[in-house]
Amino acid sequence: MAARVSANIAVAHRRLGNYDDARMHIVEAQERYRKLGAESETIRAEWTLGLIDLRAGDTKTGLRRLRAATAAFEAVGMLADAGFVKLDLTEELLRLEEWDEAGKIAGEAAEAFAGARARLHLSSALAFLREAVQKRSATLALVQYVRDYVIADEPEQTFDPPLAPQ
């Protein structure tokens, strides 16, 4: 419970832009998770550290951590979690205008969710994102919309993504 509280506090600090405090709390949580042998939570903490690094401006370290978290999730069979990290990678690569790599990672995210047996409406949304990235018409708002759509996982919700400016 203490590790979860520290992780939650870290996320709150990250959202507020208090990156040093966020880093301190997530490292504390990660150490506790390691002692408990909670592998999935240790990986989630690494994912959070990667997001903190990115927001704090350390792109190289942030991308490295996100890639490591993706590989670790895949290694333990947590494909949906790997897919969510790949969405974060896609978003950052778009921010950096690394279109080719963003397209590759967006495709891998779609495959990760398919491997996790995501329902058709989710797979369709992820395929839409992959195609938009490949056509270089994807926006950061689109990545966020698809992420929120996948998290909501409501089959009756209409998929109505934001359009790229013409």
C-alpha atoms as a PDB file:
ATOM      1  CA  MET A   1       0.000   0.000   0.000  1.00  0.00           C
ATOM      2  CA  ALA A   2       2.840   2.418   0.802  1.00  0.00           C
ATOM      3  CA  ALA A   3       4.406   1.738  -2.601  1.00  0.00           C
ATOM      4  CA  ARG A   4       1.086   2.413  -4.368  1.00  0.00           C
ATOM      5  CA  VAL A   5       0.643   5.681  -2.436  1.00  0.00           C
ATOM      6  CA  SER A   6       4.168   6.791  -3.385  1.00  0.00           C
ATOM      7  CA  ALA A   7       3.482   5.928  -7.035  1.00  0.00           C
ATOM      8  CA  ASN A   8       0.211   7.880  -6.991  1.00  0.00           C
ATOM      9  CA  ILE A   9       1.923  10.885  -5.412  1.00  0.00           C
ATOM     10  CA  ALA A  10       4.607  10.672  -8.120  1.00  0.00           C
ATOM     11  CA  VAL A  11       1.984  10.805 -10.853  1.00  0.00           C
ATOM     12  CA  ALA A  12       0.340  13.818  -9.198  1.00  0.00           C
ATOM     13  CA  HIS A  13       3.677  15.644  -8.995  1.00  0.00           C
ATOM     14  CA  ARG A  14       4.429  14.784 -12.648  1.00  0.00           C
ATOM     15  CA  ARG A  15       1.096  16.246 -13.733  1.00  0.00           C
ATOM     16  CA  LEU A  16       1.847  19.395 -11.732  1.00  0.00           C
ATOM     17  CA  GLY A  17       5.286  19.708 -13.301  1.00  0.00           C
ATOM     18  CA  ASN A  18       7.154  18.996 -10.048  1.00  0.00           C
ATOM     19  CA  TYR A  19       9.564  16.571 -11.699  1.00  0.00           C
ATOM     20  CA  ASP A  20      12.139  16.282  -8.912  1.00  0.00           C
ATOM     21  CA  ASP A  21       9.418  15.417  -6.382  1.00  0.00           C
ATOM     22  CA  ALA A  22       7.800  13.051  -8.859  1.00  0.00           C
ATOM     23  CA  ARG A  23      11.103  11.273  -9.467  1.00  0.00           C
ATOM     24  CA  MET A  24      11.797  10.962  -5.721  1.00  0.00           C
ATOM     25  CA  HIS A  25       8.398   9.362  -5.045  1.00  0.00           C
ATOM     26  CA  ILE A  26       8.431   6.962  -7.988  1.00  0.00           C
ATOM     27  CA  VAL A  27      11.963   5.769  -7.203  1.00  0.00           C
ATOM     28  CA  GLU A  28      10.803   5.134  -3.619  1.00  0.00           C
ATOM     29  CA  ALA A  29       7.799   3.188  -4.927  1.00  0.00           C
ATOM     30  CA  GLN A  30       9.953   1.228  -7.349  1.00  0.00           C
ATOM     31  CA  GLU A  31      12.358   0.192  -4.593  1.00  0.00           C
ATOM     32  CA  ARG A  32       9.455  -1.030  -2.468  1.00  0.00           C
ATOM     33  CA  TYR A  33       7.963  -2.930  -5.395  1.00  0.00           C
ATOM     34  CA  ARG A  34      11.319  -4.617  -6.030  1.00  0.00           C
ATOM     35  CA  LYS A  35      11.567  -5.701  -2.381  1.00  0.00           C
ATOM     36  CA  LEU A  36       8.037  -7.116  -2.634  1.00  0.00           C
ATOM     37  CA  GLY A  37       8.859  -8.907  -5.879  1.00  0.00           C
ATOM     38  CA  ALA A  38       6.028  -7.041  -7.623  1.00  0.00           C
ATOM     39  CA  GLU A  39       7.488  -7.208 -11.121  1.00  0.00           C
ATOM     40  CA  SER A  40       4.579  -5.626 -12.989  1.00  0.00           C
ATOM     41  CA  GLU A  41       4.488  -2.657 -10.600  1.00  0.00           C
ATOM     42  CA  THR A  42       8.260  -2.259 -10.871  1.00  0.00           C
ATOM     43  CA  ILE A  43       7.839  -2.029 -14.651  1.00  0.00           C
ATOM     44  CA  ARG A  44       4.999   0.494 -14.264  1.00  0.00           C
ATOM     45  CA  ALA A  45       7.290   2.601 -12.099  1.00  0.00           C
ATOM     46  CA  GLU A  46       9.916   2.521 -14.865  1.00  0.00           C
ATOM     47  CA  TRP A  47       7.227   3.655 -17.309  1.00  0.00           C
ATOM     48  CA  THR A  48       6.381   6.549 -14.980  1.00  0.00           C
ATOM     49  CA  LEU A  49      10.059   7.456 -14.697  1.00  0.00           C
ATOM     50  CA  GLY A  50      10.247   7.563 -18.483  1.00  0.00           C
ATOM     51  CA  LEU A  51       7.282   9.931 -18.655  1.00  0.00           C
ATOM     52  CA  ILE A  52       8.857  12.133 -15.986  1.00  0.00           C
ATOM     53  CA  ASP A  53      12.121  12.237 -17.939  1.00  0.00           C
ATOM     54  CA  LEU A  54      10.285  13.239 -21.108  1.00  0.00           C
ATOM     55  CA  ARG A  55       8.328  16.022 -19.400  1.00  0.00           C
ATOM     56  CA  ALA A  56      11.478  17.249 -17.669  1.00  0.00           C
ATOM     57  CA  GLY A  57      13.206  17.541 -21.052  1.00  0.00           C
ATOM     58  CA  ASP A  58      15.479  14.484 -20.904  1.00  0.00           C
ATOM     59  CA  THR A  59      14.196  12.940 -24.119  1.00  0.00           C
ATOM     60  CA  LYS A  60      16.979  10.394 -24.592  1.00  0.00           C
ATOM     61  CA  THR A  61      16.571   8.903 -21.106  1.00  0.00           C
ATOM     62  CA  GLY A  62      12.781   9.054 -21.294  1.00  0.00           C
ATOM     63  CA  LEU A  63      12.637   7.180 -24.584  1.00  0.00           C
ATOM     64  CA  ARG A  64      15.141   4.612 -23.294  1.00  0.00           C
ATOM     65  CA  ARG A  65      13.023   3.993 -20.191  1.00  0.00           C
ATOM     66  CA  LEU A  66       9.801   3.693 -22.215  1.00  0.00           C
ATOM     67  CA  ARG A  67      11.428   1.204 -24.583  1.00  0.00           C
ATOM     68  CA  ALA A  68      12.718  -0.787 -21.607  1.00  0.00           C
ATOM     69  CA  ALA A  69       9.256  -0.787 -20.007  1.00  0.00           C
ATOM     70  CA  THR A  70       7.722  -1.978 -23.278  1.00  0.00           C
ATOM     71  CA  ALA A  71      10.184  -4.847 -23.559  1.00  0.00           C
ATOM     72  CA  ALA A  72       9.694  -5.782 -19.904  1.00  0.00           C
ATOM     73  CA  PHE A  73       5.887  -5.815 -20.231  1.00  0.00           C
ATOM     74  CA  GLU A  74       6.157  -7.965 -23.345  1.00  0.00           C
ATOM     75  CA  ALA A  75       8.554 -10.339 -21.587  1.00  0.00           C
ATOM     76  CA  VAL A  76       5.989 -11.012 -18.856  1.00  0.00           C
ATOM     77  CA  GLY A  77       3.084 -11.240 -21.307  1.00  0.00           C
ATOM     78  CA  MET A  78       1.429  -7.935 -20.374  1.00  0.00           C
ATOM     79  CA  LEU A  79       0.661  -6.982 -23.962  1.00  0.00           C
ATOM     80  CA  ALA A  80      -2.004  -4.350 -23.293  1.00  0.00           C
ATOM     81  CA  ASP A  81       0.334  -2.509 -20.920  1.00  0.00           C
ATOM     82  CA  ALA A  82       3.074  -2.688 -23.560  1.00  0.00           C
ATOM     83  CA  GLY A  83       0.564  -1.237 -26.013  1.00  0.00           C
ATOM     84  CA  PHE A  84      -0.153   1.727 -23.757  1.00  0.00           C
ATOM     85  CA  VAL A  85       3.565   2.449 -23.387  1.00  0.00           C
ATOM     86  CA  LYS A  86       3.873   2.278 -27.174  1.00  0.00           C
ATOM     87  CA  LEU A  87       1.146   4.913 -27.436  1.00  0.00           C
ATOM     88  CA  ASP A  88       3.272   7.152 -25.201  1.00  0.00           C
ATOM     89  CA  LEU A  89       6.288   6.419 -27.410  1.00  0.00           C
ATOM     90  CA  THR A  90       4.251   7.238 -30.515  1.00  0.00           C
ATOM     91  CA  GLU A  91       3.172  10.541 -28.988  1.00  0.00           C
ATOM     92  CA  GLU A  92       6.722  11.545 -28.115  1.00  0.00           C
ATOM     93  CA  LEU A  93       8.084  10.509 -31.506  1.00  0.00           C
ATOM     94  CA  LEU A  94       5.405  12.619 -33.188  1.00  0.00           C
ATOM     95  CA  ARG A  95       6.395  15.529 -30.961  1.00  0.00           C
ATOM     96  CA  LEU A  96       9.968  15.023 -32.231  1.00  0.00           C
ATOM     97  CA  GLU A  97       8.684  14.668 -35.817  1.00  0.00           C
ATOM     98  CA  GLU A  98      10.241  11.202 -36.077  1.00  0.00           C
ATOM     99  CA  TRP A  99       7.464  10.078 -38.430  1.00  0.00           C
ATOM    100  CA  ASP A 100       8.938   6.799 -39.640  1.00  0.00           C
ATOM    101  CA  GLU A 101       9.695   5.474 -36.175  1.00  0.00           C
ATOM    102  CA  ALA A 102       6.362   6.785 -34.848  1.00  0.00           C
ATOM    103  CA  GLY A 103       4.584   4.855 -37.610  1.00  0.00           C
ATOM    104  CA  LYS A 104       6.467   1.693 -36.723  1.00  0.00           C
ATOM    105  CA  ILE A 105       5.674   2.037 -33.009  1.00  0.00           C
ATOM    106  CA  ALA A 106       2.012   2.890 -33.694  1.00  0.00           C
ATOM    107  CA  GLY A 107       1.797  -0.326 -35.703  1.00  0.00           C
ATOM    108  CA  GLU A 108       3.398  -2.250 -32.865  1.00  0.00           C
ATOM    109  CA  ALA A 109       0.878  -0.721 -30.439  1.00  0.00           C
ATOM    110  CA  ALA A 110      -1.981  -1.955 -32.625  1.00  0.00           C
ATOM    111  CA  GLU A 111      -0.382  -5.411 -32.750  1.00  0.00           C
ATOM    112  CA  ALA A 112       0.126  -5.410 -28.974  1.00  0.00           C
ATOM    113  CA  PHE A 113      -3.543  -4.714 -28.348  1.00  0.00           C
ATOM    114  CA  ALA A 114      -4.551  -7.307 -30.949  1.00  0.00           C
ATOM    115  CA  GLY A 115      -2.274  -9.799 -29.192  1.00  0.00           C
ATOM    116  CA  ALA A 116      -4.029  -8.931 -25.944  1.00  0.00           C
ATOM    117  CA  ARG A 117      -7.287  -9.752 -27.735  1.00  0.00           C
ATOM    118  CA  ALA A 118      -8.570  -6.201 -27.767  1.00  0.00           C
ATOM    119  CA  ARG A 119     -12.064  -5.973 -29.156  1.00  0.00           C
ATOM    120  CA  LEU A 120     -12.688  -4.959 -32.741  1.00  0.00           C
ATOM    121  CA  HIS A 121     -13.633  -1.337 -31.960  1.00  0.00           C
ATOM    122  CA  LEU A 122     -10.308  -0.841 -30.172  1.00  0.00           C
ATOM    123  CA  SER A 123      -8.320  -2.519 -32.918  1.00  0.00           C
ATOM    124  CA  SER A 124     -10.047  -0.284 -35.464  1.00  0.00           C
ATOM    125  CA  ALA A 125      -9.141   2.857 -33.507  1.00  0.00           C
ATOM    126  CA  LEU A 126      -5.511   1.743 -33.251  1.00  0.00           C
ATOM    127  CA  ALA A 127      -5.381   0.894 -36.952  1.00  0.00           C
ATOM    128  CA  PHE A 128      -6.731   4.381 -37.693  1.00  0.00           C
ATOM    129  CA  LEU A 129      -3.924   5.898 -35.603  1.00  0.00           C
ATOM    130  CA  ARG A 130      -1.284   3.769 -37.333  1.00  0.00           C
ATOM    131  CA  GLU A 131      -2.538   4.831 -40.770  1.00  0.00           C
ATOM    132  CA  ALA A 132      -2.661   8.506 -39.747  1.00  0.00           C
ATOM    133  CA  VAL A 133       0.941   8.342 -38.540  1.00  0.00           C
ATOM    134  CA  GLN A 134       2.047   6.578 -41.707  1.00  0.00           C
ATOM    135  CA  LYS A 135       0.328   9.276 -43.785  1.00  0.00           C
ATOM    136  CA  ARG A 136       1.928  11.930 -41.559  1.00  0.00           C
ATOM    137  CA  SER A 137      -1.449  13.404 -40.686  1.00  0.00           C
ATOM    138  CA  ALA A 138      -1.507  12.290 -37.039  1.00  0.00           C
ATOM    139  CA  THR A 139      -1.523  14.894 -34.293  1.00  0.00           C
ATOM    140  CA  LEU A 140      -0.762  14.725 -30.603  1.00  0.00           C
ATOM    141  CA  ALA A 141      -4.483  15.299 -30.022  1.00  0.00           C
ATOM    142  CA  LEU A 142      -5.240  12.179 -32.075  1.00  0.00           C
ATOM    143  CA  VAL A 143      -2.872  10.040 -29.997  1.00  0.00           C
ATOM    144  CA  GLN A 144      -4.518  11.309 -26.805  1.00  0.00           C
ATOM    145  CA  TYR A 145      -8.008  10.707 -28.225  1.00  0.00           C
ATOM    146  CA  VAL A 146      -7.135   7.117 -29.212  1.00  0.00           C
ATOM    147  CA  ARG A 147      -5.534   6.494 -25.808  1.00  0.00           C
ATOM    148  CA  ASP A 148      -8.665   7.762 -24.029  1.00  0.00           C
ATOM    149  CA  TYR A 149     -10.896   5.742 -26.364  1.00  0.00           C
ATOM    150  CA  VAL A 150      -8.951   2.541 -25.667  1.00  0.00           C
ATOM    151  CA  ILE A 151      -8.952   3.179 -21.909  1.00  0.00           C
ATOM    152  CA  ALA A 152     -12.722   3.787 -21.915  1.00  0.00           C
ATOM    153  CA  ASP A 153     -13.296   0.536 -23.861  1.00  0.00           C
ATOM    154  CA  GLU A 154     -16.971   1.267 -24.515  1.00  0.00           C
ATOM    155  CA  PRO A 155     -18.068  -0.527 -27.713  1.00  0.00           C
ATOM    156  CA  GLU A 156     -21.133   1.676 -28.076  1.00  0.00           C
ATOM    157  CA  GLN A 157     -19.044   4.884 -27.994  1.00  0.00           C
ATOM    158  CA  THR A 158     -18.734   6.402 -31.459  1.00  0.00           C
ATOM    159  CA  PHE A 159     -15.164   6.693 -32.696  1.00  0.00           C
ATOM    160  CA  ASP A 160     -14.979  10.365 -33.666  1.00  0.00           C
ATOM    161  CA  PRO A 161     -11.291  11.368 -33.696  1.00  0.00           C
ATOM    162  CA  PRO A 162     -10.152  14.972 -34.040  1.00  0.00           C
ATOM    163  CA  LEU A 163      -9.278  15.829 -37.607  1.00  0.00           C
ATOM    164  CA  ALA A 164      -5.856  17.114 -38.566  1.00  0.00           C
ATOM    165  CA  PRO A 165      -5.835  20.789 -39.577  1.00  0.00           C
ATOM    166  CA  GLN A 166      -6.018  21.176 -43.344  1.00  0.00           C
END
